């Protein structure tokens, strides 16, 4: 339980760390931002497959493939429904530009709220990983999510400051988005702890949410401004780093 608490705080703190970087480097180049986000995409992709989806098959037994496939699609559909209600990462650059031109605070706050909403299932994915009993692999999953939270925390800052929100309130908002991820981590952990029977489905569900975020939001964002080659190699590096980590810890 102590390890879960530390991990939950670490995952949430990653957003705060990203926001600090955002305060310091408010004009970080889009190319560097895309490379960082692509690396995080590769890490999350490997974490989703190795740490969540494959264990789901293992724990599912005879009907493991049914639990896993259904869990993946249910997880993806849930995030798809959330996206229908609130736009997320693939609208970030457009919102930032509009905030700069029109100081449209409502749209900026909508964007921040979207990040906060999406942080909940990401936190759940981190928590579910501990339900398998493989703490090393669970930490790898949480690390991948935390790594993705850093650039996400960075992009929260500039649009809010440009919209006229004070630095203090901007930081508080970033802190709240990180706190939501902490809550999600505990939800995922306790859901699996209550009943081991839901573990295969929960693992696949968490994996499906991560795959959806990667495909629908992170990859399109990193390929939208002419940095496709660098972004692709950064993703491969991130994926390979996770493979090596899993091999060494396995």
Protein backbone atom coordinates (compact mmCIF):
# COMPACT_ATOMS: atom_id res chain seq x y z
CA UNK A 1 0.00 0.00 0.00
CA UNK A 2 2.86 2.34 0.82
CA UNK A 3 4.36 1.72 -2.61
CA UNK A 4 1.01 2.49 -4.26
CA UNK A 5 0.77 5.76 -2.32
CA UNK A 6 4.28 6.80 -3.33
CA UNK A 7 3.60 5.87 -6.95
CA UNK A 8 0.28 7.75 -7.00
CA UNK A 9 1.96 10.86 -5.66
CA UNK A 10 4.78 10.46 -8.17
CA UNK A 11 2.39 10.17 -11.11
CA UNK A 12 0.51 13.28 -9.99
CA UNK A 13 3.73 15.14 -9.21
CA UNK A 14 4.92 14.62 -12.78
CA UNK A 15 2.20 17.03 -13.96
CA UNK A 16 3.38 19.58 -11.41
CA UNK A 17 6.99 19.13 -12.54
CA UNK A 18 5.86 19.71 -16.10
CA UNK A 19 4.08 22.89 -15.04
CA UNK A 20 7.26 24.17 -13.37
CA UNK A 21 9.14 23.56 -16.62
CA UNK A 22 6.33 25.37 -18.43
CA UNK A 23 6.81 28.41 -16.19
CA UNK A 24 10.56 28.42 -16.81
CA UNK A 25 10.48 27.70 -20.54
CA UNK A 26 7.27 29.32 -21.70
CA UNK A 27 8.43 29.39 -25.33
CA UNK A 28 9.82 25.89 -25.72
CA UNK A 29 10.03 25.01 -29.42
CA UNK A 30 7.29 22.89 -30.92
CA UNK A 31 9.88 20.49 -32.34
CA UNK A 32 11.37 19.75 -28.91
CA UNK A 33 7.88 19.45 -27.42
CA UNK A 34 6.89 16.93 -30.11
CA UNK A 35 10.02 14.85 -29.58
CA UNK A 36 9.44 14.70 -25.82
CA UNK A 37 5.79 13.77 -26.31
CA UNK A 38 6.72 11.13 -28.92
CA UNK A 39 9.23 9.55 -26.55
CA UNK A 40 6.49 9.44 -23.91
CA UNK A 41 4.16 7.86 -26.50
CA UNK A 42 6.64 5.06 -27.09
CA UNK A 43 7.02 4.48 -23.37
CA UNK A 44 3.24 4.37 -22.89
CA UNK A 45 2.77 2.06 -25.88
CA UNK A 46 5.20 -0.48 -24.50
CA UNK A 47 3.75 -0.11 -21.00
CA UNK A 48 0.22 -0.70 -22.32
CA UNK A 49 1.16 -3.84 -24.25
CA UNK A 50 3.76 -5.40 -21.95
CA UNK A 51 2.46 -4.26 -18.59
CA UNK A 52 -1.30 -4.41 -19.10
CA UNK A 53 -2.55 -6.26 -22.18
CA UNK A 54 -0.24 -9.29 -22.12
CA UNK A 55 -0.76 -9.83 -18.35
CA UNK A 56 -4.51 -9.58 -18.99
CA UNK A 57 -4.22 -12.58 -21.32
CA UNK A 58 -2.17 -14.48 -18.74
CA UNK A 59 -4.56 -13.88 -15.83
CA UNK A 60 -7.67 -14.46 -17.93
CA UNK A 61 -7.11 -18.20 -18.19
CA UNK A 62 -9.31 -20.11 -20.63
CA UNK A 63 -11.37 -17.04 -21.55
CA UNK A 64 -8.47 -14.60 -21.35
CA UNK A 65 -8.73 -13.52 -24.99
CA UNK A 66 -12.39 -12.55 -24.48
CA UNK A 67 -11.66 -10.52 -21.35
CA UNK A 68 -8.69 -8.84 -23.00
CA UNK A 69 -10.25 -7.88 -26.32
CA UNK A 70 -13.49 -6.70 -24.72
CA UNK A 71 -11.56 -4.75 -22.08
CA UNK A 72 -9.44 -2.99 -24.70
CA UNK A 73 -12.47 -1.89 -26.69
CA UNK A 74 -14.51 -0.84 -23.65
CA UNK A 75 -11.58 1.26 -22.44
CA UNK A 76 -11.19 2.90 -25.84
CA UNK A 77 -14.93 3.54 -26.20
CA UNK A 78 -15.07 5.16 -22.76
CA UNK A 79 -12.36 7.65 -23.72
CA UNK A 80 -14.00 8.17 -27.09
CA UNK A 81 -17.22 9.16 -25.34
CA UNK A 82 -15.28 11.54 -23.11
CA UNK A 83 -13.71 13.07 -26.22
CA UNK A 84 -17.17 13.67 -27.65
CA UNK A 85 -17.97 15.76 -24.60
CA UNK A 86 -14.64 17.52 -24.09
CA UNK A 87 -11.79 17.97 -26.61
CA UNK A 88 -8.26 17.12 -25.47
CA UNK A 89 -4.65 17.05 -26.56
CA UNK A 90 -5.05 17.19 -30.33
CA UNK A 91 -6.75 20.60 -29.91
CA UNK A 92 -4.04 22.04 -27.65
CA UNK A 93 -2.11 24.01 -30.24
CA UNK A 94 -5.26 25.51 -31.72
CA UNK A 95 -6.50 26.57 -28.30
CA UNK A 96 -3.12 28.07 -27.45
CA UNK A 97 -3.08 30.18 -30.59
CA UNK A 98 -6.63 31.32 -30.08
CA UNK A 99 -5.92 32.21 -26.48
CA UNK A 100 -3.00 34.30 -27.66
CA UNK A 101 -5.06 36.15 -30.22
CA UNK A 102 -8.39 36.52 -28.46
CA UNK A 103 -7.66 35.85 -24.79
CA UNK A 104 -10.57 33.42 -24.84
CA UNK A 105 -10.49 32.27 -21.24
CA UNK A 106 -13.48 29.93 -21.55
CA UNK A 107 -11.83 27.83 -24.25
CA UNK A 108 -8.57 27.68 -22.35
CA UNK A 109 -10.35 26.49 -19.22
CA UNK A 110 -12.21 23.92 -21.35
CA UNK A 111 -8.88 22.63 -22.56
CA UNK A 112 -7.53 22.37 -19.01
CA UNK A 113 -10.71 20.62 -17.85
CA UNK A 114 -10.27 18.12 -20.68
CA UNK A 115 -6.76 17.27 -19.50
CA UNK A 116 -8.06 16.82 -15.96
CA UNK A 117 -10.83 14.48 -17.13
CA UNK A 118 -8.42 12.37 -19.16
CA UNK A 119 -6.04 12.13 -16.23
CA UNK A 120 -8.55 10.00 -14.32
CA UNK A 121 -8.37 6.89 -16.56
CA UNK A 122 -4.60 7.32 -16.85
CA UNK A 123 -4.40 7.22 -13.07
CA UNK A 124 -6.66 4.15 -13.02
CA UNK A 125 -4.24 2.45 -15.42
CA UNK A 126 -1.38 3.13 -13.01
CA UNK A 127 -3.36 1.72 -10.07
CA UNK A 128 -4.60 -1.38 -11.88
CA UNK A 129 -1.01 -2.35 -12.65
CA UNK A 130 -0.41 -3.08 -8.97
CA UNK A 131 -3.35 -5.49 -8.92
CA UNK A 132 -1.31 -8.06 -10.83
CA UNK A 133 1.11 -8.37 -7.93
CA UNK A 134 4.08 -7.60 -10.21
CA UNK A 135 5.27 -4.39 -8.60
CA UNK A 136 8.25 -3.97 -10.91
CA UNK A 137 6.04 -4.02 -13.98
CA UNK A 138 3.47 -1.80 -12.27
CA UNK A 139 6.17 0.77 -11.61
CA UNK A 140 7.16 0.68 -15.27
CA UNK A 141 3.55 1.41 -16.27
CA UNK A 142 3.32 4.25 -13.76
CA UNK A 143 6.66 5.59 -14.96
CA UNK A 144 5.42 5.68 -18.54
CA UNK A 145 2.29 7.57 -17.54
CA UNK A 146 4.29 9.96 -15.36
CA UNK A 147 6.66 10.65 -18.24
CA UNK A 148 3.70 11.54 -20.46
CA UNK A 149 2.36 13.86 -17.77
CA UNK A 150 5.44 16.08 -17.85
CA UNK A 151 4.87 17.56 -21.35
CA UNK A 152 1.15 17.67 -20.60
CA UNK A 153 1.85 19.75 -17.51
CA UNK A 154 4.09 21.99 -19.59
CA UNK A 155 1.40 22.85 -22.15
CA UNK A 156 -1.11 23.85 -19.47
CA UNK A 157 0.88 26.90 -18.46
CA UNK A 158 1.29 29.13 -21.52
CA UNK A 159 -2.39 29.19 -22.65
CA UNK A 160 -3.60 30.11 -19.16
CA UNK A 161 -1.04 32.85 -18.69
CA UNK A 162 -1.83 34.26 -22.14
CA UNK A 163 -5.53 34.23 -21.21
CA UNK A 164 -4.80 36.45 -18.22
CA UNK A 165 -4.89 33.86 -15.43
CA UNK A 166 -2.47 34.75 -12.62
CA UNK A 167 0.63 32.54 -12.16
CA UNK A 168 -0.62 31.49 -8.71
CA UNK A 169 -4.01 30.33 -9.98
CA UNK A 170 -2.37 28.69 -13.00
CA UNK A 171 -0.18 26.62 -10.71
CA UNK A 172 -3.16 25.66 -8.52
CA UNK A 173 -5.02 24.41 -11.60
CA UNK A 174 -1.99 22.35 -12.66
CA UNK A 175 -1.85 20.92 -9.13
CA UNK A 176 -5.52 19.92 -9.31
CA UNK A 177 -5.03 18.09 -12.63
CA UNK A 178 -2.21 16.11 -11.01
CA UNK A 179 -4.35 15.38 -7.94
CA UNK A 180 -7.04 13.85 -10.15
CA UNK A 181 -4.47 11.37 -11.43
CA UNK A 182 -3.60 10.45 -7.84
CA UNK A 183 -7.28 9.76 -7.17
CA UNK A 184 -7.51 7.64 -10.31
CA UNK A 185 -4.53 5.56 -9.19
CA UNK A 186 -6.26 4.64 -5.94
CA UNK A 187 -9.54 3.89 -7.74
CA UNK A 188 -7.76 1.43 -10.02
CA UNK A 189 -5.85 -0.20 -7.18
CA UNK A 190 -8.84 -0.66 -4.87
CA UNK A 191 -11.13 -1.84 -7.69
CA UNK A 192 -8.79 -4.72 -8.43
CA UNK A 193 -8.04 -5.39 -4.75
CA UNK A 194 -11.75 -5.85 -3.97
CA UNK A 195 -12.16 -8.61 -6.53
CA UNK A 196 -9.37 -10.46 -8.31
CA UNK A 197 -11.98 -11.66 -10.80
CA UNK A 198 -12.04 -8.25 -12.48
CA UNK A 199 -8.24 -8.16 -12.89
CA UNK A 200 -8.00 -9.46 -16.51
CA UNK A 201 -10.72 -7.09 -17.72
CA UNK A 202 -9.38 -4.16 -15.67
CA UNK A 203 -5.86 -4.63 -17.04
CA UNK A 204 -7.15 -4.71 -20.62
CA UNK A 205 -9.45 -1.74 -19.96
CA UNK A 206 -6.50 0.31 -18.70
CA UNK A 207 -4.45 -0.81 -21.69
CA UNK A 208 -7.25 0.19 -24.05
CA UNK A 209 -7.46 3.68 -22.58
CA UNK A 210 -3.71 4.12 -23.03
CA UNK A 211 -3.79 2.86 -26.62
CA UNK A 212 -6.62 5.27 -27.38
CA UNK A 213 -4.74 8.25 -25.94
CA UNK A 214 -1.61 7.33 -27.90
CA UNK A 215 -3.35 6.82 -31.25
CA UNK A 216 -6.03 9.50 -31.06
CA UNK A 217 -4.12 12.28 -29.34
CA UNK A 218 -0.40 11.91 -28.85
CA UNK A 219 0.76 10.63 -32.26
CA UNK A 220 -1.46 13.02 -34.31
CA UNK A 221 -0.22 15.94 -32.20
CA UNK A 222 3.44 15.08 -32.72
CA UNK A 223 2.94 14.61 -36.48
CA UNK A 224 0.94 17.76 -37.10
CA UNK A 225 3.73 20.30 -37.61
CA UNK A 226 6.33 18.74 -39.91
CA UNK A 227 8.34 16.86 -37.28
CA UNK A 228 7.18 13.37 -38.27
CA UNK A 229 10.64 11.82 -38.73
CA UNK A 230 12.05 12.99 -35.40
CA UNK A 231 8.80 12.12 -33.65
CA UNK A 232 8.78 8.60 -35.11
CA UNK A 233 12.32 7.85 -33.98
CA UNK A 234 11.62 9.34 -30.56
CA UNK A 235 8.65 6.98 -30.22
CA UNK A 236 10.85 4.01 -31.18
CA UNK A 237 13.47 5.07 -28.63
CA UNK A 238 10.81 5.34 -25.91
CA UNK A 239 9.38 1.94 -26.82
CA UNK A 240 12.86 0.37 -26.80
CA UNK A 241 13.72 1.91 -23.44
CA UNK A 242 10.63 0.26 -21.95
CA UNK A 243 11.48 -3.08 -23.58
CA UNK A 244 14.99 -2.96 -22.12
CA UNK A 245 13.65 -1.97 -18.70
CA UNK A 246 11.17 -4.84 -18.71
CA UNK A 247 13.87 -7.28 -19.83
CA UNK A 248 16.29 -6.20 -17.11
CA UNK A 249 13.62 -6.28 -14.39
CA UNK A 250 12.01 -9.48 -15.63
